[in-house]
Amino acid sequence: GALREGVEITLRQLHSAFERGRLKEINPVGEKFDPNRHQAISAVPGDGTVPPNHVVAVLQKGWLIADRVLRPALVTVVQAA
């Protein structure tokens, strides 16, 4: 209904404002751990699905502004062997 439509319009406006401000989300599931963009909260043993030193879970997404880290992503990584 009207509420859903209003929420979708607001979301679209927010996304375009983020793009204009060069604000990007950091959501690195499955990516190699990058200490410049990610903050490891914990490490877990690997089960073979995700390689060592890669992000297995994101507890809190991070943010970039114009490629500068505003807030690192808080992540769990797979332990190195």
N, C-alpha and C. Protein backbone atom coordinates (compact mmCIF):
# COMPACT_ATOMS: atom_id res chain seq x y z
N GLY A 1 0.81 -1.19 0.00
CA GLY A 1 0.00 0.00 0.00
C GLY A 1 0.85 1.26 0.00
N ALA A 2 0.25 2.32 0.48
CA ALA A 2 0.90 3.63 0.47
C ALA A 2 2.14 3.67 1.36
N LEU A 3 2.09 3.00 2.51
CA LEU A 3 3.24 3.00 3.42
C LEU A 3 4.45 2.35 2.76
N ARG A 4 4.24 1.19 2.16
CA ARG A 4 5.34 0.49 1.48
C ARG A 4 5.93 1.35 0.37
N GLU A 5 5.04 1.98 -0.40
CA GLU A 5 5.49 2.85 -1.49
C GLU A 5 6.32 4.01 -0.94
N GLY A 6 5.88 4.59 0.15
CA GLY A 6 6.60 5.70 0.79
C GLY A 6 7.97 5.29 1.27
N VAL A 7 8.06 4.09 1.86
CA VAL A 7 9.34 3.58 2.35
C VAL A 7 10.28 3.34 1.18
N GLU A 8 9.78 2.76 0.08
CA GLU A 8 10.61 2.50 -1.09
C GLU A 8 11.14 3.79 -1.71
N ILE A 9 10.30 4.82 -1.78
CA ILE A 9 10.73 6.12 -2.31
C ILE A 9 11.82 6.71 -1.42
N THR A 10 11.62 6.64 -0.11
CA THR A 10 12.61 7.16 0.85
C THR A 10 13.94 6.43 0.69
N LEU A 11 13.89 5.10 0.55
CA LEU A 11 15.11 4.32 0.37
C LEU A 11 15.85 4.71 -0.91
N ARG A 12 15.10 4.90 -1.99
CA ARG A 12 15.73 5.31 -3.26
C ARG A 12 16.40 6.68 -3.11
N GLN A 13 15.74 7.61 -2.43
CA GLN A 13 16.33 8.94 -2.21
C GLN A 13 17.59 8.84 -1.35
N LEU A 14 17.57 7.99 -0.35
CA LEU A 14 18.71 7.78 0.53
C LEU A 14 19.89 7.21 -0.27
N HIS A 15 19.61 6.19 -1.10
CA HIS A 15 20.67 5.60 -1.93
C HIS A 15 21.28 6.62 -2.88
N SER A 16 20.46 7.46 -3.50
CA SER A 16 21.02 8.45 -4.42
C SER A 16 21.81 9.51 -3.66
N ALA A 17 21.39 9.86 -2.45
CA ALA A 17 22.16 10.80 -1.62
C ALA A 17 23.51 10.19 -1.26
N PHE A 18 23.51 8.88 -0.93
CA PHE A 18 24.76 8.19 -0.62
C PHE A 18 25.70 8.21 -1.83
N GLU A 19 25.15 7.95 -3.01
CA GLU A 19 25.97 7.95 -4.23
C GLU A 19 26.55 9.34 -4.49
N ARG A 20 25.74 10.37 -4.35
CA ARG A 20 26.23 11.74 -4.56
C ARG A 20 27.34 12.08 -3.56
N GLY A 21 27.17 11.62 -2.32
CA GLY A 21 28.17 11.88 -1.28
C GLY A 21 29.32 10.89 -1.31
N ARG A 22 29.30 9.98 -2.28
CA ARG A 22 30.34 8.95 -2.44
C ARG A 22 30.46 8.10 -1.17
N LEU A 23 29.32 7.81 -0.56
CA LEU A 23 29.27 6.97 0.64
C LEU A 23 28.98 5.54 0.20
N LYS A 24 29.86 4.60 0.60
CA LYS A 24 29.70 3.20 0.20
C LYS A 24 29.75 2.31 1.41
N GLU A 25 28.97 1.24 1.33
CA GLU A 25 28.91 0.24 2.39
C GLU A 25 30.09 -0.73 2.27
N ILE A 26 30.63 -1.15 3.41
CA ILE A 26 31.64 -2.22 3.43
C ILE A 26 30.95 -3.45 4.02
N ASN A 27 30.70 -4.45 3.16
CA ASN A 27 30.06 -5.69 3.61
C ASN A 27 30.86 -6.86 3.04
N PRO A 28 32.00 -7.20 3.69
CA PRO A 28 33.02 -8.05 3.07
C PRO A 28 32.91 -9.56 3.27
N VAL A 29 31.70 -10.12 3.35
CA VAL A 29 31.58 -11.57 3.54
C VAL A 29 32.29 -12.31 2.41
N GLY A 30 33.18 -13.24 2.79
CA GLY A 30 33.90 -14.04 1.81
C GLY A 30 35.16 -13.39 1.25
N GLU A 31 35.39 -12.11 1.59
CA GLU A 31 36.58 -11.41 1.09
C GLU A 31 37.77 -11.68 2.00
N LYS A 32 38.98 -11.47 1.47
CA LYS A 32 40.20 -11.58 2.28
C LYS A 32 40.18 -10.46 3.32
N PHE A 33 40.59 -10.79 4.55
CA PHE A 33 40.63 -9.79 5.62
C PHE A 33 41.58 -8.65 5.25
N ASP A 34 41.10 -7.42 5.38
CA ASP A 34 41.88 -6.22 5.08
C ASP A 34 41.89 -5.34 6.33
N PRO A 35 43.03 -5.29 7.04
CA PRO A 35 43.07 -4.53 8.30
C PRO A 35 42.80 -3.04 8.13
N ASN A 36 42.91 -2.54 6.90
CA ASN A 36 42.60 -1.12 6.66
C ASN A 36 41.11 -0.85 6.59
N ARG A 37 40.34 -1.88 6.27
CA ARG A 37 38.89 -1.69 6.11
C ARG A 37 38.04 -2.53 7.06
N HIS A 38 38.67 -3.53 7.68
CA HIS A 38 37.92 -4.45 8.54
C HIS A 38 38.54 -4.50 9.93
N GLN A 39 37.70 -4.69 10.93
CA GLN A 39 38.19 -4.89 12.30
C GLN A 39 37.73 -6.28 12.74
N ALA A 40 38.70 -7.17 12.99
CA ALA A 40 38.36 -8.54 13.38
C ALA A 40 37.96 -8.57 14.86
N ILE A 41 36.77 -9.05 15.13
CA ILE A 41 36.26 -9.18 16.49
C ILE A 41 36.58 -10.56 17.03
N SER A 42 36.55 -11.56 16.12
CA SER A 42 36.85 -12.92 16.55
C SER A 42 37.36 -13.73 15.37
N ALA A 43 37.97 -14.88 15.69
CA ALA A 43 38.44 -15.81 14.67
C ALA A 43 37.87 -17.18 14.99
N VAL A 44 37.48 -17.89 13.95
CA VAL A 44 36.89 -19.22 14.13
C VAL A 44 37.66 -20.24 13.29
N PRO A 45 37.66 -21.51 13.71
CA PRO A 45 38.31 -22.54 12.90
C PRO A 45 37.58 -22.68 11.56
N GLY A 46 38.33 -22.96 10.51
CA GLY A 46 37.72 -23.11 9.19
C GLY A 46 37.01 -24.44 9.04
N ASP A 47 35.98 -24.46 8.20
CA ASP A 47 35.29 -25.71 7.89
C ASP A 47 35.49 -26.08 6.42
N GLY A 48 36.42 -25.36 5.76
CA GLY A 48 36.72 -25.65 4.37
C GLY A 48 35.91 -24.85 3.36
N THR A 49 34.85 -24.15 3.83
CA THR A 49 34.03 -23.39 2.89
C THR A 49 34.60 -21.99 2.62
N VAL A 50 35.28 -21.42 3.62
CA VAL A 50 35.89 -20.10 3.49
C VAL A 50 37.39 -20.25 3.78
N PRO A 51 38.28 -19.71 2.92
CA PRO A 51 39.72 -19.86 3.13
C PRO A 51 40.20 -19.13 4.41
N PRO A 52 41.35 -19.55 4.96
CA PRO A 52 41.93 -18.86 6.13
C PRO A 52 42.15 -17.37 5.82
N ASN A 53 42.06 -16.54 6.86
CA ASN A 53 42.24 -15.09 6.77
C ASN A 53 41.21 -14.41 5.88
N HIS A 54 40.05 -15.07 5.70
CA HIS A 54 38.94 -14.47 4.96
C HIS A 54 37.78 -14.24 5.93
N VAL A 55 36.93 -13.29 5.58
CA VAL A 55 35.79 -12.93 6.43
C VAL A 55 34.69 -13.96 6.28
N VAL A 56 34.25 -14.51 7.42
CA VAL A 56 33.19 -15.51 7.41
C VAL A 56 31.85 -14.90 7.84
N ALA A 57 31.88 -13.80 8.61
CA ALA A 57 30.65 -13.14 9.05
C ALA A 57 30.91 -11.65 9.30
N VAL A 58 29.90 -10.82 9.01
CA VAL A 58 29.99 -9.39 9.28
C VAL A 58 29.01 -9.08 10.40
N LEU A 59 29.55 -8.59 11.55
CA LEU A 59 28.70 -8.27 12.68
C LEU A 59 28.11 -6.87 12.52
N GLN A 60 28.88 -5.99 11.90
CA GLN A 60 28.41 -4.62 11.65
C GLN A 60 29.08 -4.14 10.36
N LYS A 61 28.28 -3.71 9.40
CA LYS A 61 28.84 -3.21 8.15
C LYS A 61 29.64 -1.95 8.40
N GLY A 62 30.63 -1.73 7.55
CA GLY A 62 31.42 -0.51 7.64
C GLY A 62 30.99 0.48 6.57
N TRP A 63 31.62 1.65 6.58
CA TRP A 63 31.28 2.69 5.60
C TRP A 63 32.54 3.38 5.09
N LEU A 64 32.52 3.70 3.80
CA LEU A 64 33.58 4.49 3.15
C LEU A 64 32.97 5.78 2.66
N ILE A 65 33.74 6.86 2.74
CA ILE A 65 33.37 8.11 2.07
C ILE A 65 34.51 8.45 1.14
N ALA A 66 34.21 8.50 -0.17
CA ALA A 66 35.22 8.81 -1.19
C ALA A 66 36.47 7.95 -0.98
N ASP A 67 36.27 6.65 -0.76
CA ASP A 67 37.34 5.66 -0.58
C ASP A 67 38.16 5.82 0.70
N ARG A 68 37.70 6.67 1.61
CA ARG A 68 38.34 6.76 2.94
C ARG A 68 37.42 6.06 3.94
N VAL A 69 38.02 5.29 4.85
CA VAL A 69 37.21 4.53 5.81
C VAL A 69 36.61 5.47 6.85
N LEU A 70 35.28 5.47 6.90
CA LEU A 70 34.57 6.23 7.92
C LEU A 70 34.43 5.35 9.17
N ARG A 71 34.05 4.09 8.93
CA ARG A 71 33.93 3.12 10.02
C ARG A 71 34.28 1.76 9.44
N PRO A 72 35.26 1.02 10.04
CA PRO A 72 35.58 -0.30 9.52
C PRO A 72 34.43 -1.29 9.80
N ALA A 73 34.34 -2.31 8.97
CA ALA A 73 33.37 -3.38 9.20
C ALA A 73 33.89 -4.23 10.36
N LEU A 74 32.99 -4.63 11.26
CA LEU A 74 33.34 -5.52 12.37
C LEU A 74 33.08 -6.94 11.89
N VAL A 75 34.12 -7.77 11.86
CA VAL A 75 34.02 -9.07 11.21
C VAL A 75 34.56 -10.23 12.05
N THR A 76 34.14 -11.43 11.67
CA THR A 76 34.72 -12.68 12.17
C THR A 76 35.50 -13.28 11.03
N VAL A 77 36.74 -13.70 11.29
CA VAL A 77 37.58 -14.27 10.24
C VAL A 77 37.88 -15.75 10.52
N VAL A 78 38.25 -16.47 9.47
CA VAL A 78 38.66 -17.86 9.61
C VAL A 78 40.13 -17.86 10.01
N GLN A 79 40.46 -18.63 11.05
CA GLN A 79 41.84 -18.70 11.55
C GLN A 79 42.78 -19.25 10.50
N ALA A 80 44.02 -18.74 10.52
CA ALA A 80 45.07 -19.30 9.67
C ALA A 80 45.46 -20.66 10.25
N ALA A 81 45.90 -21.57 9.39
CA ALA A 81 46.24 -22.93 9.83
C ALA A 81 47.39 -22.93 10.84
